[in-house]
Amino acid sequence: MFGKIGMSELVVVLIIALVIFGPSKLPEIGKAFGKALGEFRTHAKKISEDIEKDTNEL
């Protein structure tokens, strides 16, 4: 219930972002957010692989 964002909440967040940043900045913000999320996933996967490798060596 608390972990999911519904369509209405997403629309409200997007409208607030549009008002705060304006239409010209939203694509840049989206691109930066996507890049950061991709880097986070890459590092999280590497950490997970390292932990699994270390536990298998024991």
PDB file of N, CA and C in Angstrom:
ATOM      1  N   MET A   1       0.815  -1.186   0.000  1.00  0.00           N
ATOM      2  CA  MET A   1       0.000   0.000   0.000  1.00  0.00           C
ATOM      3  C   MET A   1       0.866   1.260   0.000  1.00  0.00           C
ATOM      4  N   PHE A   2       1.862   1.315   0.912  1.00  0.00           N
ATOM      5  CA  PHE A   2       2.679   2.511   1.011  1.00  0.00           C
ATOM      6  C   PHE A   2       3.846   2.509   0.029  1.00  0.00           C
ATOM      7  N   GLY A   3       4.212   1.354  -0.514  1.00  0.00           N
ATOM      8  CA  GLY A   3       5.362   1.255  -1.379  1.00  0.00           C
ATOM      9  C   GLY A   3       5.090   1.562  -2.835  1.00  0.00           C
ATOM     10  N   LYS A   4       3.839   1.702  -3.207  1.00  0.00           N
ATOM     11  CA  LYS A   4       3.503   1.920  -4.614  1.00  0.00           C
ATOM     12  C   LYS A   4       2.971   3.332  -4.827  1.00  0.00           C
ATOM     13  N   ILE A   5       3.343   3.896  -5.954  1.00  0.00           N
ATOM     14  CA  ILE A   5       2.851   5.219  -6.326  1.00  0.00           C
ATOM     15  C   ILE A   5       1.772   5.024  -7.378  1.00  0.00           C
ATOM     16  N   GLY A   6       0.609   5.577  -7.110  1.00  0.00           N
ATOM     17  CA  GLY A   6      -0.490   5.482  -8.056  1.00  0.00           C
ATOM     18  C   GLY A   6      -0.384   6.523  -9.146  1.00  0.00           C
ATOM     19  N   MET A   7      -1.267   6.417 -10.114  1.00  0.00           N
ATOM     20  CA  MET A   7      -1.250   7.331 -11.247  1.00  0.00           C
ATOM     21  C   MET A   7      -1.557   8.763 -10.804  1.00  0.00           C
ATOM     22  N   SER A   8      -2.485   8.937  -9.876  1.00  0.00           N
ATOM     23  CA  SER A   8      -2.827  10.294  -9.443  1.00  0.00           C
ATOM     24  C   SER A   8      -1.664  10.949  -8.708  1.00  0.00           C
ATOM     25  N   GLU A   9      -0.944  10.190  -7.879  1.00  0.00           N
ATOM     26  CA  GLU A   9       0.211  10.747  -7.187  1.00  0.00           C
ATOM     27  C   GLU A   9       1.306  11.131  -8.169  1.00  0.00           C
ATOM     28  N   LEU A  10       1.518  10.304  -9.178  1.00  0.00           N
ATOM     29  CA  LEU A  10       2.527  10.593 -10.189  1.00  0.00           C
ATOM     30  C   LEU A  10       2.190  11.866 -10.958  1.00  0.00           C
ATOM     31  N   VAL A  11       0.929  12.046 -11.288  1.00  0.00           N
ATOM     32  CA  VAL A  11       0.498  13.251 -11.999  1.00  0.00           C
ATOM     33  C   VAL A  11       0.723  14.490 -11.138  1.00  0.00           C
ATOM     34  N   VAL A  12       0.408  14.406  -9.855  1.00  0.00           N
ATOM     35  CA  VAL A  12       0.616  15.546  -8.951  1.00  0.00           C
ATOM     36  C   VAL A  12       2.101  15.897  -8.874  1.00  0.00           C
ATOM     37  N   VAL A  13       2.959  14.892  -8.738  1.00  0.00           N
ATOM     38  CA  VAL A  13       4.402  15.141  -8.669  1.00  0.00           C
ATOM     39  C   VAL A  13       4.900  15.783  -9.962  1.00  0.00           C
ATOM     40  N   LEU A  14       4.440  15.302 -11.098  1.00  0.00           N
ATOM     41  CA  LEU A  14       4.865  15.871 -12.378  1.00  0.00           C
ATOM     42  C   LEU A  14       4.385  17.308 -12.553  1.00  0.00           C
ATOM     43  N   ILE A  15       3.176  17.603 -12.107  1.00  0.00           N
ATOM     44  CA  ILE A  15       2.667  18.975 -12.204  1.00  0.00           C
ATOM     45  C   ILE A  15       3.479  19.906 -11.307  1.00  0.00           C
ATOM     46  N   ILE A  16       3.791  19.463 -10.104  1.00  0.00           N
ATOM     47  CA  ILE A  16       4.605  20.284  -9.199  1.00  0.00           C
ATOM     48  C   ILE A  16       5.990  20.514  -9.793  1.00  0.00           C
ATOM     49  N   ALA A  17       6.592  19.468 -10.359  1.00  0.00           N
ATOM     50  CA  ALA A  17       7.907  19.610 -10.984  1.00  0.00           C
ATOM     51  C   ALA A  17       7.850  20.579 -12.160  1.00  0.00           C
ATOM     52  N   LEU A  18       6.780  20.518 -12.928  1.00  0.00           N
ATOM     53  CA  LEU A  18       6.623  21.417 -14.072  1.00  0.00           C
ATOM     54  C   LEU A  18       6.525  22.868 -13.612  1.00  0.00           C
ATOM     55  N   VAL A  19       5.792  23.095 -12.539  1.00  0.00           N
ATOM     56  CA  VAL A  19       5.644  24.459 -12.021  1.00  0.00           C
ATOM     57  C   VAL A  19       6.963  24.968 -11.449  1.00  0.00           C
ATOM     58  N   ILE A  20       7.677  24.122 -10.721  1.00  0.00           N
ATOM     59  CA  ILE A  20       8.910  24.554 -10.063  1.00  0.00           C
ATOM     60  C   ILE A  20      10.038  24.769 -11.077  1.00  0.00           C
ATOM     61  N   PHE A  21      10.260  23.804 -11.956  1.00  0.00           N
ATOM     62  CA  PHE A  21      11.425  23.846 -12.840  1.00  0.00           C
ATOM     63  C   PHE A  21      11.133  24.398 -14.227  1.00  0.00           C
ATOM     64  N   GLY A  22       9.911  24.344 -14.667  1.00  0.00           N
ATOM     65  CA  GLY A  22       9.570  24.820 -15.995  1.00  0.00           C
ATOM     66  C   GLY A  22       9.771  23.732 -17.036  1.00  0.00           C
ATOM     67  N   PRO A  23       9.130  23.894 -18.179  1.00  0.00           N
ATOM     68  CA  PRO A  23       9.180  22.841 -19.205  1.00  0.00           C
ATOM     69  C   PRO A  23      10.549  22.649 -19.855  1.00  0.00           C
ATOM     70  N   SER A  24      11.392  23.657 -19.827  1.00  0.00           N
ATOM     71  CA  SER A  24      12.696  23.527 -20.486  1.00  0.00           C
ATOM     72  C   SER A  24      13.684  22.706 -19.664  1.00  0.00           C
ATOM     73  N   LYS A  25      13.536  22.690 -18.351  1.00  0.00           N
ATOM     74  CA  LYS A  25      14.477  21.968 -17.482  1.00  0.00           C
ATOM     75  C   LYS A  25      14.080  20.518 -17.236  1.00  0.00           C
ATOM     76  N   LEU A  26      12.818  20.161 -17.440  1.00  0.00           N
ATOM     77  CA  LEU A  26      12.383  18.805 -17.117  1.00  0.00           C
ATOM     78  C   LEU A  26      13.131  17.714 -17.885  1.00  0.00           C
ATOM     79  N   PRO A  27      13.389  17.854 -19.176  1.00  0.00           N
ATOM     80  CA  PRO A  27      14.161  16.804 -19.855  1.00  0.00           C
ATOM     81  C   PRO A  27      15.573  16.631 -19.291  1.00  0.00           C
ATOM     82  N   GLU A  28      16.214  17.739 -18.926  1.00  0.00           N
ATOM     83  CA  GLU A  28      17.557  17.655 -18.341  1.00  0.00           C
ATOM     84  C   GLU A  28      17.519  16.952 -16.990  1.00  0.00           C
ATOM     85  N   ILE A  29      16.526  17.277 -16.191  1.00  0.00           N
ATOM     86  CA  ILE A  29      16.387  16.653 -14.872  1.00  0.00           C
ATOM     87  C   ILE A  29      16.102  15.161 -15.027  1.00  0.00           C
ATOM     88  N   GLY A  30      15.241  14.820 -15.956  1.00  0.00           N
ATOM     89  CA  GLY A  30      14.926  13.409 -16.210  1.00  0.00           C
ATOM     90  C   GLY A  30      16.148  12.623 -16.667  1.00  0.00           C
ATOM     91  N   LYS A  31      16.925  13.223 -17.536  1.00  0.00           N
ATOM     92  CA  LYS A  31      18.137  12.559 -18.025  1.00  0.00           C
ATOM     93  C   LYS A  31      19.138  12.350 -16.895  1.00  0.00           C
ATOM     94  N   ALA A  32      19.327  13.360 -16.060  1.00  0.00           N
ATOM     95  CA  ALA A  32      20.250  13.252 -14.937  1.00  0.00           C
ATOM     96  C   ALA A  32      19.769  12.204 -13.935  1.00  0.00           C
ATOM     97  N   PHE A  33      18.471  12.190 -13.675  1.00  0.00           N
ATOM     98  CA  PHE A  33      17.910  11.203 -12.753  1.00  0.00           C
ATOM     99  C   PHE A  33      18.079   9.792 -13.298  1.00  0.00           C
ATOM    100  N   GLY A  34      17.832   9.603 -14.581  1.00  0.00           N
ATOM    101  CA  GLY A  34      18.002   8.287 -15.193  1.00  0.00           C
ATOM    102  C   GLY A  34      19.449   7.815 -15.153  1.00  0.00           C
ATOM    103  N   LYS A  35      20.368   8.711 -15.410  1.00  0.00           N
ATOM    104  CA  LYS A  35      21.787   8.367 -15.362  1.00  0.00           C
ATOM    105  C   LYS A  35      22.205   7.982 -13.948  1.00  0.00           C
ATOM    106  N   ALA A  36      21.753   8.762 -12.965  1.00  0.00           N
ATOM    107  CA  ALA A  36      22.079   8.462 -11.566  1.00  0.00           C
ATOM    108  C   ALA A  36      21.492   7.124 -11.139  1.00  0.00           C
ATOM    109  N   LEU A  37      20.278   6.849 -11.555  1.00  0.00           N
ATOM    110  CA  LEU A  37      19.639   5.578 -11.220  1.00  0.00           C
ATOM    111  C   LEU A  37      20.387   4.410 -11.857  1.00  0.00           C
ATOM    112  N   GLY A  38      20.826   4.569 -13.086  1.00  0.00           N
ATOM    113  CA  GLY A  38      21.604   3.529 -13.754  1.00  0.00           C
ATOM    114  C   GLY A  38      22.926   3.261 -13.049  1.00  0.00           C
ATOM    115  N   GLU A  39      23.606   4.315 -12.639  1.00  0.00           N
ATOM    116  CA  GLU A  39      24.871   4.151 -11.914  1.00  0.00           C
ATOM    117  C   GLU A  39      24.640   3.476 -10.568  1.00  0.00           C
ATOM    118  N   PHE A  40      23.559   3.852  -9.889  1.00  0.00           N
ATOM    119  CA  PHE A  40      23.235   3.224  -8.611  1.00  0.00           C
ATOM    120  C   PHE A  40      22.999   1.732  -8.785  1.00  0.00           C
ATOM    121  N   ARG A  41      22.249   1.354  -9.802  1.00  0.00           N
ATOM    122  CA  ARG A  41      21.981  -0.072 -10.051  1.00  0.00           C
ATOM    123  C   ARG A  41      23.260  -0.831 -10.378  1.00  0.00           C
ATOM    124  N   THR A  42      24.142  -0.218 -11.159  1.00  0.00           N
ATOM    125  CA  THR A  42      25.404  -0.859 -11.505  1.00  0.00           C
ATOM    126  C   THR A  42      26.244  -1.105 -10.263  1.00  0.00           C
ATOM    127  N   HIS A  43      26.356  -0.097  -9.413  1.00  0.00           N
ATOM    128  CA  HIS A  43      27.160  -0.245  -8.196  1.00  0.00           C
ATOM    129  C   HIS A  43      26.521  -1.215  -7.211  1.00  0.00           C
ATOM    130  N   ALA A  44      25.203  -1.185  -7.112  1.00  0.00           N
ATOM    131  CA  ALA A  44      24.510  -2.113  -6.210  1.00  0.00           C
ATOM    132  C   ALA A  44      24.709  -3.552  -6.680  1.00  0.00           C
ATOM    133  N   LYS A  45      24.675  -3.771  -7.988  1.00  0.00           N
ATOM    134  CA  LYS A  45      24.886  -5.120  -8.532  1.00  0.00           C
ATOM    135  C   LYS A  45      26.310  -5.579  -8.256  1.00  0.00           C
ATOM    136  N   LYS A  46      27.283  -4.686  -8.420  1.00  0.00           N
ATOM    137  CA  LYS A  46      28.673  -5.042  -8.166  1.00  0.00           C
ATOM    138  C   LYS A  46      28.887  -5.390  -6.695  1.00  0.00           C
ATOM    139  N   ILE A  47      28.316  -4.609  -5.803  1.00  0.00           N
ATOM    140  CA  ILE A  47      28.440  -4.896  -4.371  1.00  0.00           C
ATOM    141  C   ILE A  47      27.808  -6.242  -4.050  1.00  0.00           C
ATOM    142  N   SER A  48      26.656  -6.498  -4.628  1.00  0.00           N
ATOM    143  CA  SER A  48      25.971  -7.774  -4.399  1.00  0.00           C
ATOM    144  C   SER A  48      26.819  -8.947  -4.898  1.00  0.00           C
ATOM    145  N   GLU A  49      27.424  -8.792  -6.067  1.00  0.00           N
ATOM    146  CA  GLU A  49      28.289  -9.848  -6.610  1.00  0.00           C
ATOM    147  C   GLU A  49      29.518 -10.059  -5.729  1.00  0.00           C
ATOM    148  N   ASP A  50      30.102  -8.973  -5.234  1.00  0.00           N
ATOM    149  CA  ASP A  50      31.266  -9.079  -4.352  1.00  0.00           C
ATOM    150  C   ASP A  50      30.921  -9.807  -3.055  1.00  0.00           C
ATOM    151  N   ILE A  51      29.774  -9.478  -2.489  1.00  0.00           N
ATOM    152  CA  ILE A  51      29.347 -10.135  -1.248  1.00  0.00           C
ATOM    153  C   ILE A  51      29.101 -11.614  -1.498  1.00  0.00           C
ATOM    154  N   GLU A  52      28.450 -11.934  -2.605  1.00  0.00           N
ATOM    155  CA  GLU A  52      28.186 -13.345  -2.928  1.00  0.00           C
ATOM    156  C   GLU A  52      29.496 -14.100  -3.159  1.00  0.00           C
ATOM    157  N   LYS A  53      30.436 -13.461  -3.839  1.00  0.00           N
ATOM    158  CA  LYS A  53      31.730 -14.085  -4.080  1.00  0.00           C
ATOM    159  C   LYS A  53      32.463 -14.348  -2.766  1.00  0.00           C
ATOM    160  N   ASP A  54      32.433 -13.365  -1.862  1.00  0.00           N
ATOM    161  CA  ASP A  54      33.115 -13.524  -0.571  1.00  0.00           C
ATOM    162  C   ASP A  54      32.477 -14.603   0.287  1.00  0.00           C
ATOM    163  N   THR A  55      31.173 -14.710   0.249  1.00  0.00           N
ATOM    164  CA  THR A  55      30.497 -15.737   1.065  1.00  0.00           C
ATOM    165  C   THR A  55      30.737 -17.136   0.478  1.00  0.00           C
ATOM    166  N   ASN A  56      30.914 -17.245  -0.824  1.00  0.00           N
ATOM    167  CA  ASN A  56      31.177 -18.549  -1.426  1.00  0.00           C
ATOM    168  C   ASN A  56      32.597 -19.021  -1.165  1.00  0.00           C
ATOM    169  N   GLU A  57      33.515 -18.076  -0.907  1.00  0.00           N
ATOM    170  CA  GLU A  57      34.904 -18.448  -0.640  1.00  0.00           C
ATOM    171  C   GLU A  57      35.077 -19.034   0.755  1.00  0.00           C
ATOM    172  N   LEU A  58      34.156 -18.753   1.656  1.00  0.00           N
ATOM    173  CA  LEU A  58      34.270 -19.260   3.033  1.00  0.00           C
ATOM    174  C   LEU A  58      33.916 -20.667   3.075  1.00  0.00           C
TER     175      LEU A  58
END
